[in-house]
């Protein structure tokens, strides 16, 4: 039996744009189901909002996202960040993700650069307010 842990991100009304942006960064094809397609829309303004969105990439990354309909509240702020980590063999891929996530970023907390622990590390808040950490270990994967 395989277990997976997949981030599920919640937005006001931007989930479709978020999934399209992450498709442009990571690849894959978003799957989107609206509140109307599940018969869950009582307010016509909510009908086309994303009830459940899913992006799976060829590299095995998975992200889920949804909008917040008018009858629900979305908690303010976040205490979650997403980490993309890999080794020297993944350097080009991870740097490519960083470059694409950085486009339109709200804030770059740390440029992708050598860190005291020996890896290349960067942190940013993307255009949708999601915090990303990128860590590239210069070594080889173990085991």
N, C-alpha and C. Protein backbone atom coordinates (compact mmCIF):
# COMPACT_ATOMS: atom_id res chain seq x y z
N UNK A 1 0.84 -1.18 0.00
CA UNK A 1 0.00 0.00 0.00
C UNK A 1 0.88 1.24 0.00
N UNK A 2 0.62 2.16 -0.90
CA UNK A 2 1.37 3.41 -0.97
C UNK A 2 0.56 4.53 -0.33
N UNK A 3 1.22 5.38 0.42
CA UNK A 3 0.60 6.54 1.04
C UNK A 3 1.21 7.78 0.42
N UNK A 4 0.40 8.77 0.16
CA UNK A 4 0.94 10.01 -0.39
C UNK A 4 0.46 11.18 0.46
N UNK A 5 1.22 12.25 0.44
CA UNK A 5 0.87 13.49 1.11
C UNK A 5 0.86 14.56 0.03
N UNK A 6 -0.29 15.17 -0.19
CA UNK A 6 -0.45 16.12 -1.28
C UNK A 6 -0.95 17.45 -0.72
N UNK A 7 -0.27 18.56 -1.03
CA UNK A 7 -0.78 19.85 -0.55
C UNK A 7 -2.12 20.17 -1.20
N UNK A 8 -3.04 20.69 -0.39
CA UNK A 8 -4.35 21.12 -0.86
C UNK A 8 -4.47 22.59 -0.52
N UNK A 9 -4.39 23.43 -1.54
CA UNK A 9 -4.36 24.87 -1.36
C UNK A 9 -5.74 25.47 -1.57
N UNK A 10 -6.08 26.45 -0.74
CA UNK A 10 -7.40 27.08 -0.80
C UNK A 10 -7.24 28.56 -1.16
N UNK A 11 -8.08 29.02 -2.06
CA UNK A 11 -8.02 30.38 -2.54
C UNK A 11 -9.41 30.99 -2.52
N UNK A 12 -9.47 32.31 -2.71
CA UNK A 12 -10.76 32.98 -2.81
C UNK A 12 -11.47 32.54 -4.07
N UNK A 13 -11.02 33.06 -5.20
CA UNK A 13 -11.61 32.69 -6.50
C UNK A 13 -10.52 32.49 -7.54
N UNK A 14 -9.30 32.17 -7.13
CA UNK A 14 -8.17 32.09 -8.05
C UNK A 14 -7.69 30.67 -8.34
N UNK A 15 -8.36 29.64 -7.87
CA UNK A 15 -7.84 28.27 -7.98
C UNK A 15 -7.58 27.86 -9.43
N UNK A 16 -8.44 28.23 -10.34
CA UNK A 16 -8.24 27.86 -11.75
C UNK A 16 -6.96 28.51 -12.28
N UNK A 17 -6.76 29.80 -11.99
CA UNK A 17 -5.55 30.51 -12.43
C UNK A 17 -4.31 29.93 -11.75
N UNK A 18 -4.43 29.55 -10.49
CA UNK A 18 -3.33 28.93 -9.75
C UNK A 18 -2.91 27.63 -10.44
N UNK A 19 -3.87 26.77 -10.73
CA UNK A 19 -3.56 25.49 -11.36
C UNK A 19 -2.94 25.68 -12.74
N UNK A 20 -3.40 26.66 -13.48
CA UNK A 20 -2.81 26.94 -14.79
C UNK A 20 -1.38 27.45 -14.65
N UNK A 21 -1.15 28.31 -13.64
CA UNK A 21 0.20 28.81 -13.40
C UNK A 21 1.13 27.65 -13.03
N UNK A 22 0.69 26.78 -12.11
CA UNK A 22 1.53 25.65 -11.71
C UNK A 22 1.73 24.66 -12.86
N UNK A 23 0.75 24.55 -13.76
CA UNK A 23 0.95 23.74 -14.97
C UNK A 23 2.09 24.33 -15.79
N UNK A 24 2.14 25.67 -15.90
CA UNK A 24 3.21 26.30 -16.69
C UNK A 24 4.57 26.13 -16.02
N UNK A 25 4.59 25.95 -14.71
CA UNK A 25 5.83 25.76 -13.97
C UNK A 25 6.27 24.30 -14.01
N UNK A 26 5.36 23.39 -13.67
CA UNK A 26 5.71 21.99 -13.44
C UNK A 26 5.29 21.03 -14.54
N UNK A 27 4.41 21.47 -15.44
CA UNK A 27 3.87 20.57 -16.46
C UNK A 27 2.59 19.91 -15.96
N UNK A 28 2.12 18.93 -16.71
CA UNK A 28 0.88 18.23 -16.35
C UNK A 28 -0.34 18.93 -16.91
N UNK A 29 -1.50 18.36 -16.65
CA UNK A 29 -2.77 18.94 -17.09
C UNK A 29 -3.71 19.01 -15.89
N UNK A 30 -4.17 20.21 -15.55
CA UNK A 30 -5.10 20.33 -14.42
C UNK A 30 -6.44 19.66 -14.71
N UNK A 31 -7.00 19.05 -13.68
CA UNK A 31 -8.37 18.54 -13.72
C UNK A 31 -9.18 19.42 -12.78
N UNK A 32 -10.30 19.94 -13.27
CA UNK A 32 -11.08 20.88 -12.49
C UNK A 32 -12.54 20.45 -12.47
N UNK A 33 -13.12 20.44 -11.28
CA UNK A 33 -14.56 20.22 -11.11
C UNK A 33 -15.12 21.44 -10.38
N UNK A 34 -16.19 21.98 -10.90
CA UNK A 34 -16.79 23.18 -10.31
C UNK A 34 -17.85 22.80 -9.28
N UNK A 35 -18.28 23.78 -8.52
CA UNK A 35 -19.37 23.54 -7.57
C UNK A 35 -20.63 23.14 -8.32
N UNK A 36 -20.87 23.73 -9.48
CA UNK A 36 -22.06 23.37 -10.27
C UNK A 36 -21.99 21.93 -10.75
N UNK A 37 -20.79 21.47 -11.16
CA UNK A 37 -20.68 20.10 -11.69
C UNK A 37 -20.94 19.05 -10.62
N UNK A 38 -20.81 19.43 -9.35
CA UNK A 38 -21.13 18.51 -8.25
C UNK A 38 -22.50 18.79 -7.67
N UNK A 39 -23.24 19.73 -8.28
CA UNK A 39 -24.57 20.07 -7.77
C UNK A 39 -24.50 20.75 -6.42
N UNK A 40 -23.39 21.43 -6.13
CA UNK A 40 -23.18 22.04 -4.82
C UNK A 40 -23.34 23.55 -4.85
N UNK A 41 -23.82 24.11 -5.94
CA UNK A 41 -23.91 25.56 -6.07
C UNK A 41 -25.32 26.03 -5.82
N UNK A 42 -25.50 26.75 -4.72
CA UNK A 42 -26.81 27.35 -4.45
C UNK A 42 -26.82 28.81 -4.86
N UNK A 43 -25.65 29.41 -4.94
CA UNK A 43 -25.50 30.80 -5.37
C UNK A 43 -24.96 30.78 -6.80
N UNK A 44 -25.68 31.36 -7.76
CA UNK A 44 -25.21 31.35 -9.16
C UNK A 44 -23.79 31.92 -9.32
N UNK A 45 -23.40 32.82 -8.45
CA UNK A 45 -22.06 33.41 -8.53
C UNK A 45 -20.97 32.39 -8.21
N UNK A 46 -21.34 31.31 -7.53
CA UNK A 46 -20.37 30.28 -7.14
C UNK A 46 -20.30 29.11 -8.12
N UNK A 47 -21.21 29.06 -9.08
CA UNK A 47 -21.35 27.89 -9.95
C UNK A 47 -20.05 27.48 -10.63
N UNK A 48 -19.28 28.44 -11.14
CA UNK A 48 -18.07 28.11 -11.89
C UNK A 48 -16.81 28.12 -11.04
N UNK A 49 -16.96 28.33 -9.74
CA UNK A 49 -15.79 28.27 -8.86
C UNK A 49 -15.30 26.83 -8.77
N UNK A 50 -14.02 26.66 -8.51
CA UNK A 50 -13.41 25.33 -8.43
C UNK A 50 -13.71 24.71 -7.08
N UNK A 51 -14.47 23.60 -7.11
CA UNK A 51 -14.72 22.85 -5.89
C UNK A 51 -13.52 21.94 -5.61
N UNK A 52 -12.98 21.35 -6.68
CA UNK A 52 -11.80 20.50 -6.53
C UNK A 52 -10.97 20.58 -7.80
N UNK A 53 -9.71 20.96 -7.63
CA UNK A 53 -8.78 20.99 -8.74
C UNK A 53 -7.57 20.14 -8.40
N UNK A 54 -7.02 19.49 -9.40
CA UNK A 54 -5.91 18.56 -9.18
C UNK A 54 -4.92 18.67 -10.33
N UNK A 55 -3.64 18.75 -9.98
CA UNK A 55 -2.59 18.75 -10.98
C UNK A 55 -1.58 17.67 -10.61
N UNK A 56 -1.36 16.74 -11.52
CA UNK A 56 -0.32 15.71 -11.37
C UNK A 56 0.63 15.87 -12.54
N UNK A 57 1.93 15.92 -12.23
CA UNK A 57 2.92 16.13 -13.28
C UNK A 57 3.60 14.81 -13.65
N UNK A 58 4.28 14.82 -14.78
CA UNK A 58 5.03 13.63 -15.20
C UNK A 58 6.14 13.29 -14.21
N UNK A 59 6.61 14.30 -13.46
CA UNK A 59 7.65 14.08 -12.46
C UNK A 59 7.09 13.52 -11.15
N UNK A 60 5.76 13.38 -11.07
CA UNK A 60 5.14 12.82 -9.88
C UNK A 60 4.71 13.84 -8.84
N UNK A 61 4.82 15.12 -9.15
CA UNK A 61 4.36 16.15 -8.22
C UNK A 61 2.84 16.22 -8.28
N UNK A 62 2.21 16.48 -7.14
CA UNK A 62 0.76 16.61 -7.08
C UNK A 62 0.39 17.83 -6.24
N UNK A 63 -0.56 18.61 -6.73
CA UNK A 63 -1.09 19.76 -6.02
C UNK A 63 -2.60 19.75 -6.22
N UNK A 64 -3.34 20.00 -5.14
CA UNK A 64 -4.78 20.17 -5.23
C UNK A 64 -5.11 21.61 -4.84
N UNK A 65 -6.21 22.13 -5.37
CA UNK A 65 -6.61 23.50 -5.07
C UNK A 65 -8.12 23.63 -5.18
N UNK A 66 -8.66 24.59 -4.42
CA UNK A 66 -10.08 24.88 -4.51
C UNK A 66 -10.32 26.36 -4.24
N UNK A 67 -11.50 26.82 -4.68
CA UNK A 67 -11.95 28.17 -4.38
C UNK A 67 -12.81 28.12 -3.13
N UNK A 68 -13.14 29.31 -2.63
CA UNK A 68 -14.00 29.41 -1.45
C UNK A 68 -15.33 30.02 -1.86
N UNK A 69 -16.42 29.24 -1.84
CA UNK A 69 -17.72 29.79 -2.23
C UNK A 69 -18.23 30.77 -1.18
N UNK A 70 -19.24 31.54 -1.55
CA UNK A 70 -19.74 32.61 -0.70
C UNK A 70 -20.27 32.13 0.65
N UNK A 71 -20.71 30.87 0.76
CA UNK A 71 -21.26 30.39 2.02
C UNK A 71 -20.19 29.84 2.98
N UNK A 72 -18.93 29.89 2.57
CA UNK A 72 -17.84 29.40 3.41
C UNK A 72 -16.85 30.54 3.68
N UNK A 73 -16.06 30.37 4.73
CA UNK A 73 -15.02 31.35 5.01
C UNK A 73 -13.66 30.70 4.80
N UNK A 74 -12.73 31.51 4.38
CA UNK A 74 -11.37 31.04 4.17
C UNK A 74 -10.51 31.63 5.26
N UNK A 75 -9.77 30.78 5.98
CA UNK A 75 -8.93 31.32 7.05
C UNK A 75 -7.91 32.33 6.50
N UNK A 76 -7.71 33.39 7.24
CA UNK A 76 -6.74 34.40 6.83
C UNK A 76 -5.33 33.90 7.11
N UNK A 77 -4.39 34.29 6.25
CA UNK A 77 -2.99 33.96 6.48
C UNK A 77 -2.67 32.50 6.26
N UNK A 78 -1.43 32.17 6.40
CA UNK A 78 -1.00 30.79 6.22
C UNK A 78 0.22 30.52 7.07
N UNK A 79 0.38 29.29 7.47
CA UNK A 79 1.59 28.89 8.19
C UNK A 79 2.23 27.72 7.47
N UNK A 80 1.90 27.57 6.19
CA UNK A 80 2.40 26.44 5.42
C UNK A 80 3.29 26.97 4.29
N UNK A 81 4.38 26.26 4.07
CA UNK A 81 5.21 26.53 2.90
C UNK A 81 5.46 25.20 2.21
N UNK A 82 5.69 25.25 0.91
CA UNK A 82 5.93 24.04 0.13
C UNK A 82 7.41 23.98 -0.22
N UNK A 83 7.99 22.82 -0.06
CA UNK A 83 9.41 22.65 -0.30
C UNK A 83 9.66 21.75 -1.50
N UNK A 84 10.50 22.22 -2.40
CA UNK A 84 10.96 21.43 -3.54
C UNK A 84 12.43 21.13 -3.26
N UNK A 85 12.76 19.87 -3.09
CA UNK A 85 14.12 19.50 -2.75
C UNK A 85 14.62 18.42 -3.68
N UNK A 86 15.92 18.43 -3.92
CA UNK A 86 16.53 17.42 -4.76
C UNK A 86 18.04 17.50 -4.66
N UNK A 87 18.69 16.73 -5.48
CA UNK A 87 20.14 16.64 -5.46
C UNK A 87 20.73 17.27 -6.72
N UNK A 88 22.06 17.28 -6.78
CA UNK A 88 22.76 17.86 -7.93
C UNK A 88 22.26 17.36 -9.26
N UNK A 89 21.86 16.10 -9.31
CA UNK A 89 21.34 15.55 -10.56
C UNK A 89 20.03 16.22 -10.98
N UNK A 90 19.34 16.86 -10.01
CA UNK A 90 18.08 17.55 -10.28
C UNK A 90 18.25 19.06 -10.41
N UNK A 91 19.50 19.52 -10.41
CA UNK A 91 19.79 20.95 -10.37
C UNK A 91 19.07 21.73 -11.46
N UNK A 92 19.17 21.31 -12.70
CA UNK A 92 18.56 22.04 -13.81
C UNK A 92 17.04 22.11 -13.67
N UNK A 93 16.43 21.00 -13.29
CA UNK A 93 14.97 20.96 -13.11
C UNK A 93 14.54 21.90 -11.99
N UNK A 94 15.20 21.82 -10.84
CA UNK A 94 14.82 22.65 -9.70
C UNK A 94 15.06 24.14 -9.98
N UNK A 95 16.15 24.47 -10.65
CA UNK A 95 16.41 25.87 -11.01
C UNK A 95 15.37 26.37 -12.01
N UNK A 96 14.91 25.50 -12.89
CA UNK A 96 13.85 25.86 -13.82
C UNK A 96 12.55 26.15 -13.09
N UNK A 97 12.20 25.32 -12.11
CA UNK A 97 11.00 25.58 -11.30
C UNK A 97 11.14 26.93 -10.59
N UNK A 98 12.31 27.16 -9.99
CA UNK A 98 12.55 28.41 -9.26
C UNK A 98 12.32 29.61 -10.19
N UNK A 99 12.91 29.57 -11.36
CA UNK A 99 12.79 30.68 -12.31
C UNK A 99 11.34 30.96 -12.65
N UNK A 100 10.57 29.92 -12.89
CA UNK A 100 9.16 30.10 -13.27
C UNK A 100 8.33 30.56 -12.08
N UNK A 101 8.58 30.02 -10.88
CA UNK A 101 7.85 30.45 -9.69
C UNK A 101 8.16 31.91 -9.36
N UNK A 102 9.38 32.34 -9.67
CA UNK A 102 9.83 33.69 -9.34
C UNK A 102 9.14 34.75 -10.21
N UNK A 103 8.67 34.38 -11.40
CA UNK A 103 8.00 35.32 -12.29
C UNK A 103 6.75 35.87 -11.60
N UNK A 104 6.75 37.16 -11.35
CA UNK A 104 5.61 37.80 -10.70
C UNK A 104 5.51 37.52 -9.21
N UNK A 105 6.56 36.99 -8.60
CA UNK A 105 6.52 36.67 -7.17
C UNK A 105 6.23 37.92 -6.35
N UNK A 106 5.47 37.76 -5.27
CA UNK A 106 5.17 38.86 -4.36
C UNK A 106 6.39 39.27 -3.57
N UNK A 107 7.20 38.26 -3.23
CA UNK A 107 8.38 38.54 -2.40
C UNK A 107 9.41 37.43 -2.62
N UNK A 108 10.66 37.81 -2.66
CA UNK A 108 11.75 36.84 -2.67
C UNK A 108 12.47 37.01 -1.34
N UNK A 109 12.25 36.05 -0.43
CA UNK A 109 12.85 36.12 0.90
C UNK A 109 14.33 35.79 0.87
N UNK A 110 14.73 34.90 -0.01
CA UNK A 110 16.13 34.52 -0.16
C UNK A 110 16.34 34.07 -1.60
N UNK A 111 17.25 34.73 -2.29
CA UNK A 111 17.57 34.31 -3.65
C UNK A 111 18.16 32.90 -3.63
N UNK A 112 17.95 32.16 -4.70
CA UNK A 112 18.52 30.81 -4.81
C UNK A 112 20.03 30.96 -4.93
N UNK A 113 20.73 30.57 -3.86
CA UNK A 113 22.17 30.78 -3.77
C UNK A 113 22.76 29.77 -2.78
N UNK A 114 24.08 29.62 -2.77
CA UNK A 114 24.70 28.71 -1.79
C UNK A 114 24.33 29.09 -0.36
N UNK A 115 24.06 28.09 0.45
CA UNK A 115 23.65 28.29 1.83
C UNK A 115 24.73 27.79 2.79
N UNK A 116 24.64 28.14 4.07
CA UNK A 116 25.62 27.65 5.05
C UNK A 116 25.65 26.13 5.18
N UNK A 117 24.56 25.43 4.86
CA UNK A 117 24.54 23.96 4.98
C UNK A 117 25.01 23.26 3.71
N UNK A 118 25.49 24.03 2.74
CA UNK A 118 26.11 23.43 1.56
C UNK A 118 25.21 23.27 0.36
N UNK A 119 23.93 23.43 0.53
CA UNK A 119 22.98 23.32 -0.58
C UNK A 119 22.77 24.70 -1.20
N UNK A 120 22.20 24.73 -2.39
CA UNK A 120 21.67 25.98 -2.93
C UNK A 120 20.24 26.08 -2.41
N UNK A 121 19.90 27.24 -1.87
CA UNK A 121 18.59 27.42 -1.23
C UNK A 121 18.00 28.75 -1.62
N UNK A 122 16.68 28.77 -1.83
CA UNK A 122 15.95 30.00 -2.08
C UNK A 122 14.55 29.90 -1.51
N UNK A 123 13.98 31.04 -1.18
CA UNK A 123 12.61 31.09 -0.67
C UNK A 123 11.89 32.28 -1.30
N UNK A 124 10.66 32.03 -1.75
CA UNK A 124 9.86 33.11 -2.31
C UNK A 124 8.39 32.89 -2.01
N UNK A 125 7.64 33.97 -2.15
CA UNK A 125 6.18 33.91 -2.08
C UNK A 125 5.69 34.19 -3.49
N UNK A 126 5.02 33.21 -4.09
CA UNK A 126 4.63 33.37 -5.50
C UNK A 126 3.50 34.37 -5.66
N UNK A 127 3.10 34.60 -6.88
CA UNK A 127 2.09 35.63 -7.19
C UNK A 127 0.74 35.37 -6.54
N UNK A 128 0.51 34.12 -6.06
CA UNK A 128 -0.75 33.79 -5.41
C UNK A 128 -0.63 33.73 -3.89
N UNK A 129 0.55 34.06 -3.37
CA UNK A 129 0.74 34.09 -1.92
C UNK A 129 1.21 32.78 -1.32
N UNK A 130 1.59 31.81 -2.14
CA UNK A 130 2.08 30.53 -1.65
C UNK A 130 3.60 30.63 -1.47
N UNK A 131 4.08 30.20 -0.31
CA UNK A 131 5.50 30.25 0.01
C UNK A 131 6.16 28.97 -0.49
N UNK A 132 7.26 29.14 -1.24
CA UNK A 132 8.01 28.03 -1.79
C UNK A 132 9.45 28.07 -1.29
N UNK A 133 9.96 26.91 -0.90
CA UNK A 133 11.36 26.73 -0.54
C UNK A 133 11.97 25.80 -1.57
N UNK A 134 13.12 26.16 -2.12
CA UNK A 134 13.83 25.29 -3.06
C UNK A 134 15.19 25.00 -2.45
N UNK A 135 15.52 23.72 -2.34
CA UNK A 135 16.78 23.28 -1.74
C UNK A 135 17.42 22.26 -2.68
N UNK A 136 18.62 22.58 -3.15
CA UNK A 136 19.33 21.68 -4.07
C UNK A 136 20.62 21.22 -3.40
N UNK A 137 20.63 19.98 -2.95
CA UNK A 137 21.80 19.38 -2.31
C UNK A 137 22.81 19.05 -3.42
N UNK A 138 24.07 19.45 -3.26
CA UNK A 138 25.03 19.21 -4.34
C UNK A 138 25.44 17.74 -4.50
N UNK A 139 25.11 16.90 -3.53
CA UNK A 139 25.53 15.50 -3.58
C UNK A 139 24.65 14.63 -4.45
N UNK A 140 24.78 13.35 -4.26
CA UNK A 140 24.01 12.34 -4.98
C UNK A 140 22.98 11.73 -4.03
N UNK A 141 21.85 11.29 -4.54
CA UNK A 141 20.86 10.61 -3.70
C UNK A 141 21.47 9.37 -3.08
N UNK A 142 21.11 9.08 -1.84
CA UNK A 142 21.60 7.88 -1.14
C UNK A 142 20.56 6.76 -1.27
N UNK A 143 21.02 5.56 -1.46
CA UNK A 143 20.15 4.39 -1.44
C UNK A 143 19.39 4.23 -2.65
